[in-house]
Amino acid sequence: MKEIFLSLVSLKFLMQLKTFEHSHQKTLAALSQLPKGTWSASDWLDDDGISDDMIKMAVKVSITDSELLLIIMSLLCK
């Protein structure tokens, strides 16, 4: 019984690993179609639900042949 359980656990792990590998390859293929470069944008949130202070949100996206880098920042402005 223990061997059957361990076999099922191993099979489930291998299936999850294959799913992850497939998703990873599909993601890399999709990202390779994006233009290379760096972009940034910012906008303001009216409040954070706790105070009425404005919050500046900013994002910077950089795409190279080997990586996708996202930098997300927020700044509370009183």
N, C-alpha and C. Protein backbone atom coordinates (compact mmCIF):
# COMPACT_ATOMS: atom_id res chain seq x y z
N MET A 1 0.82 -1.20 0.00
CA MET A 1 0.00 0.00 0.00
C MET A 1 0.87 1.26 0.00
N LYS A 2 1.93 1.24 0.79
CA LYS A 2 2.82 2.39 0.86
C LYS A 2 3.46 2.67 -0.50
N GLU A 3 3.82 1.60 -1.23
CA GLU A 3 4.45 1.77 -2.53
C GLU A 3 3.48 2.41 -3.53
N ILE A 4 2.22 2.01 -3.46
CA ILE A 4 1.20 2.59 -4.35
C ILE A 4 1.04 4.07 -4.04
N PHE A 5 0.95 4.41 -2.77
CA PHE A 5 0.82 5.81 -2.37
C PHE A 5 2.01 6.63 -2.87
N LEU A 6 3.22 6.12 -2.65
CA LEU A 6 4.42 6.85 -3.08
C LEU A 6 4.47 6.97 -4.60
N SER A 7 4.02 5.95 -5.31
CA SER A 7 3.98 6.02 -6.77
C SER A 7 3.01 7.10 -7.23
N LEU A 8 1.86 7.19 -6.58
CA LEU A 8 0.88 8.23 -6.93
C LEU A 8 1.40 9.62 -6.62
N VAL A 9 2.07 9.77 -5.49
CA VAL A 9 2.66 11.06 -5.13
C VAL A 9 3.72 11.44 -6.15
N SER A 10 4.55 10.48 -6.54
CA SER A 10 5.60 10.74 -7.53
C SER A 10 4.99 11.10 -8.88
N LEU A 11 3.94 10.39 -9.27
CA LEU A 11 3.27 10.67 -10.54
C LEU A 11 2.66 12.07 -10.52
N LYS A 12 2.01 12.43 -9.43
CA LYS A 12 1.42 13.77 -9.32
C LYS A 12 2.51 14.84 -9.40
N PHE A 13 3.64 14.61 -8.74
CA PHE A 13 4.74 15.56 -8.79
C PHE A 13 5.27 15.70 -10.21
N LEU A 14 5.45 14.59 -10.90
CA LEU A 14 5.95 14.64 -12.28
C LEU A 14 4.98 15.35 -13.21
N MET A 15 3.68 15.14 -13.00
CA MET A 15 2.68 15.83 -13.82
C MET A 15 2.73 17.34 -13.56
N GLN A 16 2.88 17.74 -12.30
CA GLN A 16 2.98 19.16 -11.98
C GLN A 16 4.25 19.75 -12.57
N LEU A 17 5.34 19.02 -12.52
CA LEU A 17 6.60 19.49 -13.08
C LEU A 17 6.48 19.67 -14.59
N LYS A 18 5.86 18.73 -15.27
CA LYS A 18 5.67 18.83 -16.72
C LYS A 18 4.78 20.02 -17.06
N THR A 19 3.73 20.24 -16.26
CA THR A 19 2.85 21.38 -16.48
C THR A 19 3.63 22.68 -16.31
N PHE A 20 4.44 22.77 -15.27
CA PHE A 20 5.26 23.95 -15.05
C PHE A 20 6.22 24.17 -16.21
N GLU A 21 6.90 23.13 -16.65
CA GLU A 21 7.86 23.25 -17.75
C GLU A 21 7.16 23.71 -19.03
N HIS A 22 5.99 23.16 -19.31
CA HIS A 22 5.23 23.55 -20.50
C HIS A 22 4.82 25.03 -20.40
N SER A 23 4.31 25.43 -19.25
CA SER A 23 3.91 26.83 -19.04
C SER A 23 5.10 27.76 -19.17
N HIS A 24 6.23 27.35 -18.64
CA HIS A 24 7.44 28.16 -18.71
C HIS A 24 7.87 28.37 -20.16
N GLN A 25 7.87 27.31 -20.95
CA GLN A 25 8.25 27.42 -22.36
C GLN A 25 7.28 28.31 -23.14
N LYS A 26 5.99 28.17 -22.88
CA LYS A 26 4.99 29.01 -23.55
C LYS A 26 5.16 30.48 -23.16
N THR A 27 5.44 30.73 -21.88
CA THR A 27 5.65 32.09 -21.41
C THR A 27 6.88 32.71 -22.06
N LEU A 28 7.98 31.96 -22.12
CA LEU A 28 9.19 32.46 -22.77
C LEU A 28 8.95 32.76 -24.24
N ALA A 29 8.20 31.91 -24.92
CA ALA A 29 7.90 32.13 -26.33
C ALA A 29 7.07 33.40 -26.51
N ALA A 30 6.09 33.61 -25.64
CA ALA A 30 5.26 34.82 -25.73
C ALA A 30 6.08 36.07 -25.42
N LEU A 31 6.93 36.01 -24.40
CA LEU A 31 7.76 37.16 -24.04
C LEU A 31 8.76 37.50 -25.14
N SER A 32 9.23 36.50 -25.87
CA SER A 32 10.20 36.76 -26.93
C SER A 32 9.59 37.55 -28.08
N GLN A 33 8.26 37.58 -28.16
CA GLN A 33 7.57 38.33 -29.21
C GLN A 33 7.40 39.81 -28.85
N LEU A 34 7.63 40.17 -27.60
CA LEU A 34 7.49 41.57 -27.18
C LEU A 34 8.69 42.38 -27.66
N PRO A 35 8.48 43.67 -27.96
CA PRO A 35 9.61 44.50 -28.37
C PRO A 35 10.59 44.72 -27.22
N LYS A 36 11.87 44.79 -27.54
CA LYS A 36 12.90 45.03 -26.53
C LYS A 36 12.95 46.52 -26.22
N GLY A 37 13.21 46.86 -24.97
CA GLY A 37 13.30 48.26 -24.58
C GLY A 37 12.87 48.47 -23.14
N THR A 38 12.75 49.75 -22.78
CA THR A 38 12.35 50.13 -21.43
C THR A 38 11.23 51.15 -21.52
N TRP A 39 10.20 50.95 -20.71
CA TRP A 39 9.06 51.85 -20.66
C TRP A 39 8.72 52.13 -19.20
N SER A 40 8.12 53.29 -18.98
CA SER A 40 7.68 53.62 -17.63
C SER A 40 6.37 54.38 -17.69
N ALA A 41 5.63 54.31 -16.61
CA ALA A 41 4.36 55.02 -16.51
C ALA A 41 4.07 55.27 -15.04
N SER A 42 3.25 56.29 -14.79
CA SER A 42 2.84 56.55 -13.41
C SER A 42 1.42 57.11 -13.41
N ASP A 43 0.77 56.98 -12.29
CA ASP A 43 -0.58 57.49 -12.12
C ASP A 43 -0.82 57.67 -10.62
N TRP A 44 -1.94 58.24 -10.28
CA TRP A 44 -2.25 58.53 -8.89
C TRP A 44 -3.47 57.75 -8.43
N LEU A 45 -3.40 57.21 -7.21
CA LEU A 45 -4.56 56.64 -6.54
C LEU A 45 -5.15 57.72 -5.65
N ASP A 46 -6.47 57.81 -5.63
CA ASP A 46 -7.12 58.82 -4.79
C ASP A 46 -6.80 58.61 -3.32
N ASP A 47 -6.80 57.37 -2.89
CA ASP A 47 -6.49 57.05 -1.50
C ASP A 47 -6.24 55.55 -1.40
N ASP A 48 -5.83 55.12 -0.22
CA ASP A 48 -5.55 53.70 -0.02
C ASP A 48 -6.63 52.99 0.78
N GLY A 49 -7.75 53.67 1.01
CA GLY A 49 -8.83 53.08 1.79
C GLY A 49 -8.67 53.27 3.28
N ILE A 50 -7.52 53.75 3.70
CA ILE A 50 -7.27 53.99 5.12
C ILE A 50 -7.21 55.49 5.39
N SER A 51 -6.49 56.20 4.52
CA SER A 51 -6.40 57.66 4.66
C SER A 51 -6.82 58.29 3.33
N ASP A 52 -6.96 59.61 3.33
CA ASP A 52 -7.33 60.33 2.12
C ASP A 52 -6.12 60.84 1.35
N ASP A 53 -4.93 60.42 1.75
CA ASP A 53 -3.71 60.88 1.08
C ASP A 53 -3.59 60.28 -0.32
N MET A 54 -3.13 61.10 -1.26
CA MET A 54 -2.89 60.63 -2.62
C MET A 54 -1.67 59.71 -2.63
N ILE A 55 -1.69 58.71 -3.48
CA ILE A 55 -0.58 57.77 -3.60
C ILE A 55 -0.16 57.70 -5.06
N LYS A 56 1.10 58.02 -5.31
CA LYS A 56 1.63 57.92 -6.67
C LYS A 56 2.11 56.49 -6.89
N MET A 57 1.63 55.88 -7.97
CA MET A 57 2.05 54.54 -8.36
C MET A 57 2.87 54.68 -9.64
N ALA A 58 3.99 53.98 -9.69
CA ALA A 58 4.84 54.04 -10.87
C ALA A 58 5.34 52.64 -11.20
N VAL A 59 5.52 52.39 -12.48
CA VAL A 59 6.05 51.11 -12.93
C VAL A 59 7.08 51.36 -14.03
N LYS A 60 8.12 50.55 -14.02
CA LYS A 60 9.13 50.58 -15.07
C LYS A 60 9.28 49.16 -15.58
N VAL A 61 9.19 48.98 -16.89
CA VAL A 61 9.30 47.67 -17.51
C VAL A 61 10.49 47.68 -18.45
N SER A 62 11.39 46.73 -18.28
CA SER A 62 12.54 46.57 -19.17
C SER A 62 12.52 45.17 -19.75
N ILE A 63 12.66 45.08 -21.07
CA ILE A 63 12.68 43.79 -21.74
C ILE A 63 13.97 43.68 -22.53
N THR A 64 14.73 42.62 -22.28
CA THR A 64 15.94 42.31 -23.05
C THR A 64 15.77 40.91 -23.63
N ASP A 65 16.81 40.43 -24.29
CA ASP A 65 16.75 39.07 -24.84
C ASP A 65 16.66 38.02 -23.75
N SER A 66 17.15 38.34 -22.56
CA SER A 66 17.23 37.32 -21.52
C SER A 66 16.34 37.56 -20.30
N GLU A 67 15.69 38.74 -20.20
CA GLU A 67 14.89 38.96 -19.00
C GLU A 67 13.79 39.98 -19.21
N LEU A 68 12.80 39.89 -18.35
CA LEU A 68 11.72 40.86 -18.23
C LEU A 68 11.79 41.37 -16.81
N LEU A 69 12.02 42.66 -16.64
CA LEU A 69 12.18 43.25 -15.32
C LEU A 69 11.05 44.24 -15.08
N LEU A 70 10.32 44.05 -13.99
CA LEU A 70 9.26 44.97 -13.57
C LEU A 70 9.66 45.60 -12.25
N ILE A 71 9.63 46.92 -12.21
CA ILE A 71 9.88 47.64 -10.96
C ILE A 71 8.61 48.43 -10.66
N ILE A 72 7.99 48.12 -9.55
CA ILE A 72 6.74 48.78 -9.16
C ILE A 72 7.00 49.57 -7.89
N MET A 73 6.63 50.85 -7.92
CA MET A 73 6.89 51.72 -6.77
C MET A 73 5.61 52.46 -6.39
N SER A 74 5.49 52.79 -5.13
CA SER A 74 4.41 53.67 -4.68
C SER A 74 5.00 54.70 -3.73
N LEU A 75 4.41 55.89 -3.75
CA LEU A 75 4.90 56.98 -2.93
C LEU A 75 3.70 57.69 -2.33
N LEU A 76 3.65 57.73 -1.03
CA LEU A 76 2.57 58.42 -0.32
C LEU A 76 2.88 59.91 -0.32
N CYS A 77 1.94 60.71 -0.82
CA CYS A 77 2.13 62.16 -0.86
C CYS A 77 1.10 62.82 0.04
N LYS A 78 1.60 63.59 1.01
CA LYS A 78 0.71 64.28 1.94
C LYS A 78 0.57 65.72 1.54
